Protein backbone atom coordinates (compact mmCIF):
# COMPACT_ATOMS: atom_id res chain seq x y z
CA MET A 1 -24.48 19.30 85.09
CA GLN A 2 -22.31 16.15 84.17
CA ALA A 3 -18.53 15.68 86.02
CA THR A 4 -15.79 12.74 85.52
CA SER A 5 -14.59 13.35 88.50
CA VAL A 6 -13.94 15.37 91.58
CA ARG A 7 -10.82 15.67 94.16
CA ILE A 8 -11.68 16.61 97.23
CA GLY A 9 -9.12 17.60 99.81
CA THR A 10 -9.37 17.14 104.02
CA ARG A 11 -7.51 16.62 107.19
CA GLY A 12 -7.79 13.23 108.37
CA SER A 13 -9.45 13.28 111.59
CA PRO A 14 -12.66 11.73 112.11
CA LEU A 15 -14.57 15.06 111.98
CA ALA A 16 -12.70 16.32 108.95
CA LEU A 17 -13.48 12.73 107.19
CA ALA A 18 -17.42 13.52 108.62
CA GLN A 19 -17.10 16.83 106.71
CA ALA A 20 -15.07 15.48 103.69
CA HIS A 21 -18.51 12.65 103.45
CA GLU A 22 -20.84 15.57 103.88
CA VAL A 23 -19.81 16.88 100.80
CA ARG A 24 -19.66 14.25 98.26
CA ASP A 25 -23.23 12.70 99.41
CA ARG A 26 -24.65 16.44 98.59
CA LEU A 27 -22.73 16.89 95.85
CA ALA A 28 -23.71 13.38 94.38
CA LYS A 29 -26.91 14.45 95.48
CA ALA A 30 -27.05 17.42 93.55
CA HIS A 31 -25.55 16.15 90.71
CA GLY A 32 -26.37 12.46 90.50
CA LEU A 33 -23.35 11.80 90.47
CA SER A 34 -21.98 8.07 91.81
CA HIS A 35 -19.90 8.12 94.97
CA ASP A 36 -16.81 6.56 92.48
CA ALA A 37 -16.92 10.24 91.01
CA ILE A 38 -15.48 11.94 93.96
CA THR A 39 -12.58 10.89 95.83
CA ILE A 40 -11.88 12.32 98.79
CA THR A 41 -7.27 12.76 99.69
CA VAL A 42 -6.22 13.10 103.31
CA ILE A 43 -3.45 15.57 103.70
CA LYS A 44 -1.64 16.27 106.74
CA THR A 45 -1.10 19.33 108.11
CA VAL A 46 1.06 21.25 110.36
CA GLY A 47 -1.89 21.54 112.85
CA ASP A 48 -2.39 17.85 112.83
CA GLN A 49 0.98 16.54 113.40
CA VAL A 50 2.48 19.29 116.11
CA LEU A 51 0.48 18.56 119.62
CA ASP A 52 2.67 19.16 121.98
CA ARG A 53 2.38 22.97 122.17
CA PRO A 54 -0.30 25.64 121.59
CA LEU A 55 -1.92 26.75 117.62
CA SER A 56 -0.23 30.64 119.17
CA GLU A 57 3.16 29.67 119.33
CA ILE A 58 3.32 27.41 116.52
CA GLY A 59 1.62 29.93 114.19
CA GLY A 60 -2.09 30.14 114.60
CA LYS A 61 -4.51 30.28 112.13
CA GLY A 62 -3.85 28.52 108.64
CA LEU A 63 -1.98 25.58 110.29
CA PHE A 64 -4.64 23.30 109.58
CA THR A 65 -5.14 24.45 106.07
CA LYS A 66 -1.95 25.58 104.50
CA GLU A 67 -0.44 21.86 103.30
CA ILE A 68 -4.44 21.44 101.66
CA GLU A 69 -4.53 25.18 100.13
CA ASP A 70 -0.57 23.98 98.60
CA ALA A 71 -3.07 21.06 97.03
CA LEU A 72 -5.30 23.12 95.47
CA LEU A 73 -2.83 25.62 93.97
CA ALA A 74 -0.87 22.61 92.63
CA ASN A 75 -3.99 21.31 91.14
CA GLU A 76 -3.95 18.17 93.28
CA ILE A 77 -7.41 18.24 94.41
CA ASP A 78 -10.54 20.30 92.84
CA VAL A 79 -12.72 21.44 96.42
CA ALA A 80 -10.42 21.80 99.58
CA VAL A 81 -13.61 21.47 102.96
CA HIS A 82 -13.31 23.67 105.82
CA SER A 83 -14.19 23.76 109.54
CA MET A 84 -14.41 27.47 108.56
CA LYS A 85 -13.17 28.65 112.14
CA ASP A 86 -9.67 27.33 110.53
CA MET A 87 -9.54 29.49 108.05
CA GLN A 88 -7.76 32.66 107.49
CA THR A 89 -9.91 35.98 107.35
CA ALA A 90 -7.56 36.47 103.62
CA LEU A 91 -7.10 33.98 101.76
CA PRO A 92 -4.25 32.42 99.48
CA GLU A 93 -3.77 34.58 96.37
CA GLY A 94 -5.21 32.39 93.46
CA LEU A 95 -7.82 30.94 95.98
CA ALA A 96 -11.64 31.70 96.62
CA ILE A 97 -14.85 30.19 98.41
CA GLY A 98 -17.24 28.34 96.45
CA ALA A 99 -19.01 27.88 98.77
CA VAL A 100 -20.97 27.52 102.40
CA LEU A 101 -22.77 24.67 103.60
CA PRO A 102 -25.72 24.89 105.60
CA ARG A 103 -24.72 25.86 109.11
CA GLU A 104 -25.00 23.34 111.71
CA ASP A 105 -25.76 24.33 116.14
CA VAL A 106 -22.75 27.14 116.47
CA ARG A 107 -22.96 26.64 120.60
CA ASP A 108 -20.50 25.42 122.35
CA ALA A 109 -20.70 22.76 124.67
CA PHE A 110 -20.19 21.54 127.90
CA ILE A 111 -18.31 18.66 128.62
CA SER A 112 -17.60 16.31 132.23
CA LEU A 113 -17.94 13.70 133.49
CA LYS A 114 -18.34 14.88 137.16
CA TYR A 115 -20.62 18.22 136.49
CA THR A 116 -23.36 18.55 134.75
CA SER A 117 -23.08 22.13 133.93
CA LEU A 118 -20.18 24.70 134.38
CA ASP A 119 -22.19 25.94 137.28
CA ASP A 120 -21.05 23.07 139.35
CA VAL A 121 -17.51 22.70 138.37
CA PRO A 122 -15.96 23.26 142.13
CA LYS A 123 -13.50 26.27 143.10
CA GLY A 124 -10.45 25.52 141.99
CA SER A 125 -11.25 22.92 139.32
CA VAL A 126 -8.82 22.02 136.08
CA VAL A 127 -10.47 22.76 132.75
CA GLY A 128 -8.86 21.75 129.99
CA THR A 129 -9.06 23.63 126.57
CA SER A 130 -7.02 24.66 123.22
CA SER A 131 -9.26 27.20 122.89
CA LEU A 132 -7.53 30.32 124.12
CA ARG A 133 -11.63 32.48 123.04
CA ARG A 134 -12.69 29.73 125.45
CA GLN A 135 -9.87 29.75 128.08
CA ALA A 136 -10.46 33.80 128.34
CA GLN A 137 -14.48 33.50 127.97
CA LEU A 138 -14.55 30.68 131.48
CA LEU A 139 -12.04 32.91 133.30
CA ASN A 140 -14.24 35.98 132.57
CA VAL A 141 -17.07 34.44 134.48
CA ARG A 142 -15.31 31.59 136.75
CA PRO A 143 -11.38 33.16 137.52
CA ASP A 144 -11.50 31.05 140.33
CA LEU A 145 -11.15 27.65 138.02
CA THR A 146 -7.39 26.54 135.79
CA VAL A 147 -7.32 26.21 132.90
CA VAL A 148 -4.45 23.99 130.58
CA GLY A 149 -3.68 22.86 127.02
CA PHE A 150 -6.50 20.65 125.79
CA ARG A 151 -4.56 19.76 121.99
CA GLY A 152 -6.18 16.83 119.87
CA ASN A 153 -8.79 15.90 118.01
CA VAL A 154 -12.69 15.25 119.48
CA GLN A 155 -11.42 11.61 120.89
CA THR A 156 -8.48 12.13 122.22
CA ARG A 157 -9.64 15.27 123.99
CA LEU A 158 -12.86 12.73 125.85
CA LYS A 159 -9.87 9.94 126.85
CA LYS A 160 -7.44 12.90 128.24
CA LEU A 161 -11.30 13.56 130.08
CA GLN A 162 -11.43 9.87 131.54
CA ASP A 163 -7.62 9.66 131.94
CA GLY A 164 -8.17 12.97 134.59
CA VAL A 165 -6.41 15.46 133.26
CA ALA A 166 -8.97 18.30 133.87
CA GLU A 167 -12.39 17.88 135.38
CA ALA A 168 -13.91 18.89 131.86
CA THR A 169 -14.01 20.24 128.66
CA PHE A 170 -15.19 22.43 125.68
CA LEU A 171 -15.59 21.53 122.30
CA ALA A 172 -18.02 22.66 119.96
CA VAL A 173 -21.72 21.44 119.63
CA ALA A 174 -21.83 20.91 115.31
CA GLY A 175 -18.68 18.88 115.49
CA LEU A 176 -20.43 16.17 118.13
CA ASN A 177 -23.55 16.38 115.68
CA ARG A 178 -21.37 15.49 112.54
CA LEU A 179 -19.77 12.48 114.45
CA GLY A 180 -22.54 10.97 116.11
CA MET A 181 -21.67 11.72 119.12
CA SER A 182 -24.63 14.26 120.34
CA GLU A 183 -24.74 11.98 123.63
CA ARG A 184 -21.83 13.17 124.64
CA ILE A 185 -22.78 17.10 125.91
CA THR A 186 -22.92 17.49 129.39
CA ALA A 187 -25.09 20.52 128.62
CA ALA A 188 -24.46 23.08 124.72
CA ILE A 189 -23.76 26.52 126.63
CA ALA A 190 -25.89 29.57 125.44
CA ILE A 191 -24.62 32.38 122.75
CA ASP A 192 -25.56 35.01 125.50
CA GLN A 193 -23.11 32.72 127.99
CA MET A 194 -20.10 31.33 126.08
CA LEU A 195 -20.26 33.41 122.06
CA PRO A 196 -19.06 31.35 119.65
CA ALA A 197 -15.84 31.48 117.35
CA VAL A 198 -15.92 33.14 114.39
CA ALA A 199 -18.19 30.68 111.85
CA GLN A 200 -18.08 28.35 113.84
CA GLY A 201 -19.96 24.72 112.97
CA ALA A 202 -19.88 26.28 108.56
CA ILE A 203 -18.12 24.18 106.62
CA GLY A 204 -15.75 26.30 103.64
CA LEU A 205 -15.46 24.87 100.15
CA GLU A 206 -12.29 26.47 99.05
CA ILE A 207 -11.34 26.54 95.10
CA ARG A 208 -9.46 27.97 92.73
CA ALA A 209 -9.86 31.30 91.94
CA GLY A 210 -11.57 31.22 88.44
CA ASP A 211 -12.91 27.35 88.41
CA GLU A 212 -15.95 28.08 87.11
CA ALA A 213 -16.30 24.48 86.25
CA THR A 214 -16.09 23.48 90.29
CA ALA A 215 -17.71 26.89 91.04
CA ASP A 216 -20.78 25.76 89.02
CA LEU A 217 -20.77 22.53 90.92
CA LEU A 218 -20.51 23.57 94.16
CA ALA A 219 -23.08 26.79 93.38
CA PRO A 220 -26.29 24.22 94.42
CA LEU A 221 -24.77 23.51 97.86
CA ASN A 222 -24.28 27.21 99.00
CA ASP A 223 -25.97 28.72 101.74
CA ALA A 224 -27.32 31.96 101.46
CA ALA A 225 -28.23 32.83 105.32
CA THR A 226 -24.92 31.11 106.02
CA ALA A 227 -22.46 32.57 103.45
CA LEU A 228 -24.19 36.22 104.96
CA ALA A 229 -23.79 35.28 108.48
CA VAL A 230 -19.62 34.44 108.06
CA THR A 231 -19.01 37.19 105.35
CA ALA A 232 -19.88 39.10 108.78
CA GLU A 233 -18.39 37.21 111.17
CA ARG A 234 -15.13 37.03 109.59
CA ALA A 235 -15.22 40.87 108.17
CA PHE A 236 -15.04 41.07 112.01
CA LEU A 237 -11.99 39.08 112.51
CA ALA A 238 -10.45 40.80 110.06
CA ARG A 239 -10.58 44.22 110.72
CA LEU A 240 -9.35 43.24 114.34
CA GLU A 241 -6.43 41.10 112.83
CA GLY A 242 -7.60 37.85 115.11
CA SER A 243 -5.68 35.18 114.86
CA CYS A 244 -5.03 32.60 118.06
CA ARG A 245 -3.80 34.80 119.74
CA THR A 246 -6.16 36.55 120.22
CA PRO A 247 -9.42 36.02 122.20
CA ILE A 248 -12.32 37.23 119.86
CA ALA A 249 -15.81 35.79 119.19
CA GLY A 250 -18.70 36.74 116.72
CA HIS A 251 -21.87 35.84 115.90
CA ALA A 252 -24.27 36.32 113.14
CA HIS A 253 -27.91 35.73 112.25
CA LEU A 254 -30.42 36.02 110.09
CA ALA A 255 -34.10 37.33 111.69
CA ASP A 256 -36.68 40.10 110.56
CA GLY A 257 -35.32 40.79 107.40
CA ASN A 258 -31.79 41.94 108.95
CA LEU A 259 -28.71 40.43 109.77
CA HIS A 260 -27.76 40.93 113.46
CA PHE A 261 -24.50 40.58 114.63
CA ARG A 262 -22.58 40.27 118.19
CA GLY A 263 -19.11 40.01 118.71
CA GLN A 264 -16.63 40.12 121.34
CA VAL A 265 -13.16 40.57 122.23
CA LEU A 266 -11.08 39.60 125.48
CA SER A 267 -7.71 39.77 127.34
CA PRO A 268 -6.49 35.86 127.72
CA ASP A 269 -6.69 36.03 131.34
CA GLY A 270 -10.86 37.36 130.82
CA LYS A 271 -10.15 40.08 132.97
CA VAL A 272 -10.83 42.66 130.11
CA SER A 273 -14.46 42.38 128.21
CA TYR A 274 -16.01 44.29 125.28
CA ALA A 275 -18.61 43.08 123.85
CA VAL A 276 -20.48 44.79 120.67
CA SER A 277 -23.70 44.73 118.35
CA LEU A 278 -24.88 45.89 115.61
CA SER A 279 -27.81 45.12 112.81
CA GLY A 280 -28.58 46.01 109.11
CA PRO A 281 -29.45 44.44 105.80
CA PRO A 282 -28.17 41.45 104.88
CA GLU A 283 -26.71 43.24 101.83
CA THR A 284 -24.31 45.23 103.96
CA ALA A 285 -22.51 41.84 106.15
CA LEU A 286 -19.42 43.04 105.35
CA ASP A 287 -19.92 46.37 106.53
CA ILE A 288 -21.70 44.73 109.48
CA GLY A 289 -18.46 43.20 110.58
CA THR A 290 -16.24 45.72 109.59
CA ASN A 291 -18.23 48.95 111.33
CA ALA A 292 -18.50 46.66 114.83
CA ALA A 293 -14.95 46.01 114.40
CA ASN A 294 -14.24 49.66 114.29
CA ASP A 295 -16.10 50.06 117.55
CA VAL A 296 -14.41 47.76 119.55
CA LEU A 297 -10.95 49.75 118.33
CA ALA A 298 -12.68 52.92 118.53
CA ASN A 299 -13.66 52.20 122.38
CA ALA A 300 -12.27 49.35 124.27
CA ASP A 301 -10.07 49.23 126.70
CA PRO A 302 -6.86 48.33 124.41
CA ALA A 303 -5.64 45.62 127.09
CA ALA A 304 -8.60 43.32 125.73
CA LEU A 305 -6.91 44.20 121.51
CA VAL A 306 -4.31 41.47 122.94
CA LYS A 307 -1.33 41.48 120.44
CA SER A 308 0.32 42.04 123.38
CA GLY A 309 -0.74 40.04 126.05
CA ALA A 310 -1.34 36.74 123.79
């Protein structure tokens, strides 16, 4: 398929730009396009502009996507590139997910300039994170630590470590890999120890619903296994009505012909945690995520479903 131009919209952080460039490169390769035929437009979001408060205080999910989605609806761009863990589970009317790229490493990275693992961090130490999920999971296993807010892009957070604001922090392995900064990872944390955020490591390409030309253009970029996994994970999140105010984790993967899902809901202080797991045929991904959430709603301690505790 030939196309005269493709307009990509993205946030302006180094990681967001790396992801947009990956999409550009994949499109160029799939369709024999020159890079000149694919433009990248940087769009500043509220989440990029307000850095002095936790996301939960200024609106939660959608803060990194709204302005880009507005540009998409206004036909100013053709494709919006998002880290899927930043996307709301219910997309604005008129928009759709056109493709999901092959998933990167889903794990969280422990990063410290002093200690080799989370177990080595002394009691009473300060750990920085902007993620309520990571805060809750950390305090669940290490209630002896103190957590401080750590907003900003990857480079900003690493500088805060160097400045001694905290002894350690967590970032997504995927983001560091995409930035060519894997050497900054002190230790990758097994998902059995820290279940990742829903859709962590996945890049979603959002388009206008009914834009068949762009949908056809993106079709070769879609990774079916990743799309199935994030479908289950996002269904779990949607059923629980999770946001940045609710610590929720979820991960699905294909193995032995089935889709296997694990989910976790915690209280922000980490004192309450409820885990669920469910498997089934891949084509039932949506039901797997929804049914796992129903299990949580039916059986979990209400303190773990923390709209009130956020």
